[in-house]
């Protein structure tokens, strides 16, 4: 099992078991308190303990099941808790009322007294406490108006046991609800962190897929255009038995090999570009098409931090000239803060950006801009402004 998937569930289970353990300790208190009152263990002392303990087992068991199945305390969906929850609430209330009833049996003589009442009244008093504990620790944290119910249960048990439970009954139920709500909050935090981790992992996968798709488009687009052009030249040379055929085929083979290498580097995540190399490839491809290339500035003027993104820009701008224009001239202008590519073969206004759009989004993340315009008929300009402070 993936440990990142397992940890939240383990945390939730540990939280549940902690609540169950505290509930168990709270239920031991009546037994310990009862035993401390008995000087000798006889039928009259053991019977109240056995009867009232057995009477409370259903409520305690349902409280434990509720804590284990409660959606607020689980990372993953569990069995429907509602039937156990309803029965548990009824069983807890019935147990507390039974304890109050036993405590108030005729012959109590006012105050619970071990010798006079043979343990029944003491056990009734402690059972009322146990019923209130089960109700407040196992069920009340998950109901509407929980604090109103806590107040009602506390006051009811406190009054009808003649206040003999003292401050304990005033604190323990409220503490139980508080612990339940705090446990729910911590598990909600863990759930949010788990969802955030899953979302981050999904986002990383999506970003990697997008990176591969964009770089494959940018890398192979120009190479495929060059392959198409070289194949056409090779066919023409072959038809004319031109001796330049071997040179074109050799160049074609080099482009194919470069495409394979580019694709491998993209998939492995190692693909970076050099502006000077890309400009040399662009110049060769455009000149083969009969496009005159003019360069102002030098690729070395581009800061090192921007070499990769500018390399992709030169490649994509060149691909657009090859595919979408009827240019006879292309100008590349390099400065330390921008790169401008112009061609004189625009066939219409700026339309869909294609590969330039994905490049623009990538560049804007770093604070740069990429704009395209047709200032006059037949002229197309695309400019990449570099972010300041990264050179």
Protein backbone atom coordinates (compact mmCIF):
# COMPACT_ATOMS: atom_id res chain seq x y z
CA UNK A 1 0.00 0.00 0.00
CA UNK A 2 1.21 3.49 -0.78
CA UNK A 3 2.42 4.98 2.54
CA UNK A 4 1.12 8.41 1.56
CA UNK A 5 -2.33 6.89 1.19
CA UNK A 6 -1.99 4.83 4.35
CA UNK A 7 -0.90 7.55 6.79
CA UNK A 8 -4.17 9.56 6.92
CA UNK A 9 -6.18 6.38 7.53
CA UNK A 10 -3.76 5.32 10.28
CA UNK A 11 -4.04 8.75 11.89
CA UNK A 12 -7.84 8.55 11.81
CA UNK A 13 -7.83 5.06 13.32
CA UNK A 14 -5.41 6.16 16.04
CA UNK A 15 -7.68 9.09 16.87
CA UNK A 16 -10.69 6.78 17.09
CA UNK A 17 -8.85 4.33 19.35
CA UNK A 18 -7.73 7.21 21.57
CA UNK A 19 -11.34 8.32 22.04
CA UNK A 20 -12.40 4.74 22.72
CA UNK A 21 -9.60 4.33 25.27
CA UNK A 22 -10.59 7.51 27.11
CA UNK A 23 -14.22 6.36 27.07
CA UNK A 24 -13.15 2.99 28.46
CA UNK A 25 -11.19 4.67 31.26
CA UNK A 26 -14.18 6.84 32.09
CA UNK A 27 -16.35 3.73 32.34
CA UNK A 28 -13.85 2.10 34.68
CA UNK A 29 -14.29 4.96 37.13
CA UNK A 30 -17.72 3.73 38.37
CA UNK A 31 -16.36 0.21 38.85
CA UNK A 32 -13.31 1.45 40.77
CA UNK A 33 -15.39 3.86 42.82
CA UNK A 34 -17.89 1.12 43.61
CA UNK A 35 -15.14 -1.29 44.64
CA UNK A 36 -13.56 1.29 46.93
CA UNK A 37 -16.83 1.51 48.89
CA UNK A 38 -17.11 -2.22 49.52
CA UNK A 39 -15.39 -3.55 52.63
CA UNK A 40 -16.29 -7.14 51.77
CA UNK A 41 -17.52 -8.80 48.57
CA UNK A 42 -20.77 -10.63 49.19
CA UNK A 43 -23.84 -11.46 47.13
CA UNK A 44 -25.34 -8.11 48.10
CA UNK A 45 -22.29 -6.23 46.89
CA UNK A 46 -21.50 -8.19 43.74
CA UNK A 47 -25.05 -8.38 42.36
CA UNK A 48 -25.52 -4.60 41.82
CA UNK A 49 -22.16 -4.41 40.07
CA UNK A 50 -22.93 -7.32 37.74
CA UNK A 51 -26.47 -6.21 36.90
CA UNK A 52 -25.69 -2.56 36.25
CA UNK A 53 -22.52 -3.41 34.28
CA UNK A 54 -24.41 -5.80 32.02
CA UNK A 55 -27.13 -3.19 31.59
CA UNK A 56 -24.56 -0.69 30.36
CA UNK A 57 -22.75 -2.98 27.91
CA UNK A 58 -25.11 -2.38 24.94
CA UNK A 59 -24.75 1.40 25.24
CA UNK A 60 -20.96 1.15 25.57
CA UNK A 61 -20.67 -1.26 22.62
CA UNK A 62 -22.83 0.96 20.41
CA UNK A 63 -20.75 3.97 21.44
CA UNK A 64 -17.56 2.20 20.33
CA UNK A 65 -19.11 1.12 17.01
CA UNK A 66 -20.31 4.68 16.41
CA UNK A 67 -16.82 6.09 16.99
CA UNK A 68 -15.37 3.55 14.54
CA UNK A 69 -17.94 4.19 11.80
CA UNK A 70 -18.62 7.92 12.19
CA UNK A 71 -17.84 9.60 8.82
CA UNK A 72 -16.33 12.63 10.56
CA UNK A 73 -13.69 10.35 12.12
CA UNK A 74 -12.81 8.39 8.97
CA UNK A 75 -10.80 9.17 5.87
CA UNK A 76 -12.70 6.71 3.68
CA UNK A 77 -16.44 5.86 3.68
CA UNK A 78 -17.53 3.17 6.13
CA UNK A 79 -20.74 1.25 6.79
CA UNK A 80 -23.82 3.39 7.48
CA UNK A 81 -23.53 4.50 11.11
CA UNK A 82 -27.09 5.80 11.55
CA UNK A 83 -28.74 2.59 12.84
CA UNK A 84 -26.02 2.12 15.48
CA UNK A 85 -26.11 5.81 16.31
CA UNK A 86 -29.86 5.88 16.97
CA UNK A 87 -29.81 2.70 19.04
CA UNK A 88 -26.77 3.94 20.95
CA UNK A 89 -28.42 7.24 21.88
CA UNK A 90 -31.51 5.41 23.13
CA UNK A 91 -29.44 2.84 25.01
CA UNK A 92 -27.31 5.52 26.69
CA UNK A 93 -30.33 7.55 27.76
CA UNK A 94 -32.05 4.41 29.02
CA UNK A 95 -28.95 3.41 30.99
CA UNK A 96 -28.65 6.84 32.62
CA UNK A 97 -32.36 6.86 33.48
CA UNK A 98 -32.09 3.33 34.87
CA UNK A 99 -29.22 4.45 37.08
CA UNK A 100 -31.24 7.42 38.34
CA UNK A 101 -34.20 5.10 38.95
CA UNK A 102 -32.11 2.64 40.95
CA UNK A 103 -30.57 5.49 42.91
CA UNK A 104 -34.01 6.89 43.75
CA UNK A 105 -35.56 3.57 44.82
CA UNK A 106 -37.63 3.72 48.02
CA UNK A 107 -35.56 3.19 51.13
CA UNK A 108 -32.68 5.33 49.97
CA UNK A 109 -32.75 7.22 53.18
CA UNK A 110 -31.71 10.48 51.57
CA UNK A 111 -28.01 10.00 50.92
CA UNK A 112 -26.47 6.96 49.32
CA UNK A 113 -25.16 4.82 52.13
CA UNK A 114 -23.38 1.54 51.59
CA UNK A 115 -24.46 -0.31 54.73
CA UNK A 116 -28.14 0.63 54.49
CA UNK A 117 -28.66 0.18 50.77
CA UNK A 118 -26.46 -2.85 50.01
CA UNK A 119 -24.72 -1.14 47.11
CA UNK A 120 -27.72 -0.68 44.81
CA UNK A 121 -27.98 3.03 45.33
CA UNK A 122 -24.28 3.54 44.87
CA UNK A 123 -24.35 1.53 41.69
CA UNK A 124 -27.38 3.48 40.48
CA UNK A 125 -25.55 6.74 41.08
CA UNK A 126 -22.47 5.58 39.21
CA UNK A 127 -24.52 4.08 36.38
CA UNK A 128 -26.22 7.43 35.83
CA UNK A 129 -22.76 8.94 35.53
CA UNK A 130 -21.65 6.20 33.11
CA UNK A 131 -24.73 6.69 30.92
CA UNK A 132 -24.05 10.42 30.71
CA UNK A 133 -20.40 9.73 29.81
CA UNK A 134 -21.29 7.29 27.01
CA UNK A 135 -23.87 9.70 25.63
CA UNK A 136 -21.55 12.72 25.66
CA UNK A 137 -18.38 10.99 24.43
CA UNK A 138 -19.90 8.65 21.87
CA UNK A 139 -22.91 10.47 20.42
CA UNK A 140 -23.47 14.11 21.38
CA UNK A 141 -20.46 15.50 19.43
CA UNK A 142 -22.22 14.50 16.20
CA UNK A 143 -25.73 15.94 16.81
CA UNK A 144 -27.12 19.38 16.13
CA UNK A 145 -27.46 21.60 19.16
CA UNK A 146 -24.87 19.45 20.92
CA UNK A 147 -24.13 21.97 23.66
CA UNK A 148 -27.81 22.31 24.52
CA UNK A 149 -28.01 18.54 24.87
CA UNK A 150 -24.87 18.50 27.02
CA UNK A 151 -26.39 21.10 29.33
CA UNK A 152 -29.66 19.18 29.58
CA UNK A 153 -27.96 15.85 30.32
CA UNK A 154 -25.61 17.42 32.86
CA UNK A 155 -28.32 19.30 34.74
CA UNK A 156 -30.71 16.34 34.65
CA UNK A 157 -28.20 13.87 36.10
CA UNK A 158 -26.81 16.43 38.54
CA UNK A 159 -30.22 17.30 39.95
CA UNK A 160 -31.75 13.82 40.06
CA UNK A 161 -28.73 12.35 41.83
CA UNK A 162 -28.98 14.98 44.56
CA UNK A 163 -25.72 16.57 43.37
CA UNK A 164 -23.71 13.71 44.83
CA UNK A 165 -21.61 13.44 41.66
CA UNK A 166 -20.39 16.97 42.33
CA UNK A 167 -18.21 18.83 39.87
CA UNK A 168 -17.35 15.65 37.93
CA UNK A 169 -20.72 15.45 36.20
CA UNK A 170 -20.48 19.16 35.38
CA UNK A 171 -17.17 18.77 33.51
CA UNK A 172 -16.88 15.28 31.99
CA UNK A 173 -19.80 15.48 29.47
CA UNK A 174 -18.64 18.86 28.15
CA UNK A 175 -15.08 17.56 27.97
CA UNK A 176 -16.28 14.55 25.96
CA UNK A 177 -18.03 16.71 23.37
CA UNK A 178 -15.00 19.00 23.18
CA UNK A 179 -12.64 16.08 22.59
CA UNK A 180 -14.94 14.68 19.90
CA UNK A 181 -15.10 17.99 18.07
CA UNK A 182 -11.34 18.51 18.34
CA UNK A 183 -10.74 15.01 16.95
CA UNK A 184 -13.09 15.75 14.06
CA UNK A 185 -11.22 18.99 13.34
CA UNK A 186 -7.81 17.28 13.29
CA UNK A 187 -9.08 14.58 10.93
CA UNK A 188 -10.61 17.25 8.67
CA UNK A 189 -7.19 18.89 8.52
CA UNK A 190 -5.60 15.56 7.59
CA UNK A 191 -8.27 15.03 4.91
CA UNK A 192 -7.56 18.47 3.46
CA UNK A 193 -3.83 17.76 3.43
CA UNK A 194 -4.43 14.40 1.79
CA UNK A 195 -6.63 15.97 -0.88
CA UNK A 196 -4.04 18.70 -1.42
CA UNK A 197 -1.34 16.06 -1.82
CA UNK A 198 -3.45 14.17 -4.36
CA UNK A 199 -4.23 17.39 -6.21
CA UNK A 200 -0.55 18.34 -6.26
CA UNK A 201 0.41 14.92 -7.62
CA UNK A 202 -2.29 15.14 -10.31
CA UNK A 203 -1.18 18.66 -11.18
CA UNK A 204 2.44 17.58 -11.50
CA UNK A 205 1.42 14.79 -13.86
CA UNK A 206 -0.70 17.20 -15.90
CA UNK A 207 2.11 19.75 -16.01
CA UNK A 208 4.58 17.10 -17.14
CA UNK A 209 2.19 15.94 -19.87
CA UNK A 210 1.66 19.54 -20.96
CA UNK A 211 5.40 20.16 -20.98
CA UNK A 212 6.01 17.11 -23.14
CA UNK A 213 3.16 18.02 -25.50
CA UNK A 214 4.32 21.63 -25.86
CA UNK A 215 7.98 20.78 -26.33
CA UNK A 216 7.21 17.99 -28.77
CA UNK A 217 5.11 20.45 -30.76
CA UNK A 218 7.83 23.08 -30.65
CA UNK A 219 10.69 20.63 -31.29
CA UNK A 220 9.18 18.49 -34.00
CA UNK A 221 7.24 21.26 -35.74
CA UNK A 222 10.30 22.90 -37.23
CA UNK A 223 12.05 19.60 -37.91
CA UNK A 224 9.03 18.17 -39.73
CA UNK A 225 8.77 21.32 -41.81
CA UNK A 226 12.46 20.98 -42.67
CA UNK A 227 12.02 17.29 -43.50
CA UNK A 228 9.13 18.12 -45.82
CA UNK A 229 11.16 20.82 -47.56
CA UNK A 230 14.25 18.64 -47.90
CA UNK A 231 12.17 15.74 -49.23
CA UNK A 232 10.70 18.00 -51.93
CA UNK A 233 14.18 19.20 -52.91
CA UNK A 234 15.48 15.63 -52.97
CA UNK A 235 12.65 14.55 -55.29
CA UNK A 236 13.36 17.49 -57.59
CA UNK A 237 17.09 16.70 -57.65
CA UNK A 238 16.39 13.02 -58.25
CA UNK A 239 14.11 13.82 -61.18
CA UNK A 240 16.86 15.98 -62.70
CA UNK A 241 19.66 13.62 -61.69
CA UNK A 242 21.22 16.59 -59.92
CA UNK A 243 24.49 15.77 -58.08
CA UNK A 244 23.24 17.79 -55.10
CA UNK A 245 20.85 14.93 -54.29
CA UNK A 246 23.34 13.16 -52.01
CA UNK A 247 23.90 16.35 -50.03
CA UNK A 248 20.17 16.86 -49.52
CA UNK A 249 19.66 13.24 -48.47
CA UNK A 250 22.52 13.56 -46.00
CA UNK A 251 20.98 16.74 -44.59
CA UNK A 252 17.61 15.00 -44.41
CA UNK A 253 19.17 12.14 -42.46
CA UNK A 254 20.76 14.62 -40.03
CA UNK A 255 17.41 16.33 -39.44
CA UNK A 256 15.71 13.00 -38.74
CA UNK A 257 18.48 12.03 -36.30
CA UNK A 258 18.19 15.41 -34.60
CA UNK A 259 14.41 14.96 -34.32
CA UNK A 260 14.85 11.58 -32.64
CA UNK A 261 17.37 13.07 -30.21
CA UNK A 262 15.10 16.05 -29.52
CA UNK A 263 12.17 13.76 -28.78
CA UNK A 264 14.27 11.64 -26.42
CA UNK A 265 15.48 14.71 -24.54
CA UNK A 266 11.96 16.11 -24.25
CA UNK A 267 10.60 12.88 -22.76
CA UNK A 268 13.54 12.63 -20.35
CA UNK A 269 13.13 16.25 -19.30
CA UNK A 270 16.62 17.32 -20.35
CA UNK A 271 15.67 19.41 -23.38
CA UNK A 272 17.23 22.88 -23.33
CA UNK A 273 17.96 25.15 -26.27
CA UNK A 274 20.75 27.49 -27.25
CA UNK A 275 19.79 30.66 -29.12
CA UNK A 276 22.82 30.64 -31.42
CA UNK A 277 22.18 27.03 -32.44
CA UNK A 278 18.50 27.66 -33.06
CA UNK A 279 19.27 30.77 -35.09
CA UNK A 280 21.70 28.79 -37.25
CA UNK A 281 19.05 26.11 -37.88
CA UNK A 282 16.46 28.80 -38.64
CA UNK A 283 18.78 30.57 -41.06
CA UNK A 284 19.54 27.35 -42.95
CA UNK A 285 15.89 26.32 -43.18
CA UNK A 286 14.65 29.73 -44.31
CA UNK A 287 17.42 30.16 -46.86
CA UNK A 288 16.57 26.76 -48.32
CA UNK A 289 13.07 28.15 -48.85
CA UNK A 290 14.46 31.20 -50.60
CA UNK A 291 13.86 33.54 -47.65
CA UNK A 292 16.54 36.15 -47.05
CA UNK A 293 17.56 36.26 -43.39
CA UNK A 294 18.85 39.41 -41.69
CA UNK A 295 20.07 39.47 -38.09
CA UNK A 296 20.56 42.50 -35.84
CA UNK A 297 22.36 42.02 -32.56
CA UNK A 298 23.75 38.69 -31.47
CA UNK A 299 22.32 35.66 -29.67
CA UNK A 300 25.01 36.21 -27.05
CA UNK A 301 23.20 39.44 -26.07
CA UNK A 302 20.45 37.32 -24.53
CA UNK A 303 21.01 36.74 -20.79
CA UNK A 304 21.85 33.16 -19.84
CA UNK A 305 18.66 32.85 -17.77
CA UNK A 306 16.58 33.46 -20.92
CA UNK A 307 18.54 31.39 -23.43
CA UNK A 308 16.18 28.41 -23.27
CA UNK A 309 12.87 30.28 -23.65
CA UNK A 310 14.30 32.52 -26.40
CA UNK A 311 15.60 29.42 -28.19
CA UNK A 312 12.07 28.00 -28.21
CA UNK A 313 10.76 31.37 -29.40
CA UNK A 314 13.18 31.48 -32.35
CA UNK A 315 12.27 27.91 -33.27
CA UNK A 316 8.49 28.48 -33.09
CA UNK A 317 8.66 31.82 -34.94
CA UNK A 318 10.67 30.16 -37.70
CA UNK A 319 8.19 27.29 -37.92
CA UNK A 320 5.35 29.80 -38.32
CA UNK A 321 7.19 31.52 -41.18
CA UNK A 322 7.70 28.18 -42.93
CA UNK A 323 4.14 26.99 -42.45
CA UNK A 324 1.95 30.07 -42.53
CA UNK A 325 3.64 32.78 -44.59
CA UNK A 326 4.80 33.58 -48.09
CA UNK A 327 7.81 35.51 -46.89
CA UNK A 328 10.79 36.56 -48.95
CA UNK A 329 12.58 38.18 -46.02
CA UNK A 330 12.85 37.48 -42.30
CA UNK A 331 14.50 39.73 -39.72
CA UNK A 332 15.73 38.68 -36.28
CA UNK A 333 16.61 41.44 -33.82
CA UNK A 334 18.27 40.56 -30.50
CA UNK A 335 18.71 42.90 -27.53
CA UNK A 336 19.35 42.10 -23.85
CA UNK A 337 15.67 42.79 -23.06
CA UNK A 338 13.76 41.58 -26.13
CA UNK A 339 13.71 39.53 -29.31
CA UNK A 340 11.83 40.63 -32.43
CA UNK A 341 11.10 38.42 -35.46
CA UNK A 342 9.60 40.03 -38.57
CA UNK A 343 8.60 38.58 -41.93
CA UNK A 344 7.10 40.21 -45.01
CA UNK A 345 4.80 37.37 -46.02
CA UNK A 346 1.79 37.68 -43.74
CA UNK A 347 -1.36 36.43 -45.45
CA UNK A 348 -3.84 38.17 -43.16
CA UNK A 349 -4.40 39.59 -39.68
CA UNK A 350 -3.18 37.81 -36.57
CA UNK A 351 -5.26 34.67 -36.12
CA UNK A 352 -4.85 31.71 -33.81
CA UNK A 353 -1.48 31.70 -32.11
CA UNK A 354 -0.98 27.93 -32.24
CA UNK A 355 2.32 26.95 -30.67
CA UNK A 356 3.11 30.58 -29.83
CA UNK A 357 0.16 30.60 -27.43
CA UNK A 358 1.57 27.83 -25.24
CA UNK A 359 4.95 29.57 -25.38
CA UNK A 360 3.32 32.85 -24.36
CA UNK A 361 1.69 31.21 -21.30
CA UNK A 362 4.99 29.69 -20.23
CA UNK A 363 6.79 33.01 -20.66
CA UNK A 364 4.19 35.06 -18.77
CA UNK A 365 4.68 32.87 -15.70
CA UNK A 366 8.23 34.28 -15.44
CA UNK A 367 7.00 37.87 -15.85
CA UNK A 368 7.72 38.33 -19.56
CA UNK A 369 5.36 39.10 -22.43
CA UNK A 370 4.90 37.89 -25.99
CA UNK A 371 2.99 39.95 -28.54
CA UNK A 372 2.08 39.49 -32.20
CA UNK A 373 0.91 42.17 -34.60
CA UNK A 374 0.53 43.12 -38.27
CA UNK A 375 1.46 46.84 -38.37
CA UNK A 376 0.96 46.96 -42.13
CA UNK A 377 -0.31 44.72 -44.89
CA UNK A 378 1.93 41.75 -45.50
CA UNK A 379 4.13 42.42 -42.45
CA UNK A 380 3.97 40.18 -39.39
CA UNK A 381 5.88 40.91 -36.18
CA UNK A 382 6.18 38.80 -33.08
CA UNK A 383 8.14 40.10 -30.10
CA UNK A 384 9.23 38.51 -26.84
CA UNK A 385 9.94 40.96 -24.02
CA UNK A 386 12.14 39.43 -21.34
CA UNK A 387 11.44 39.77 -17.63
CA UNK A 388 13.73 42.22 -15.87
CA UNK A 389 16.04 41.16 -13.09
CA UNK A 390 16.66 37.62 -14.36
CA UNK A 391 19.73 38.23 -16.46
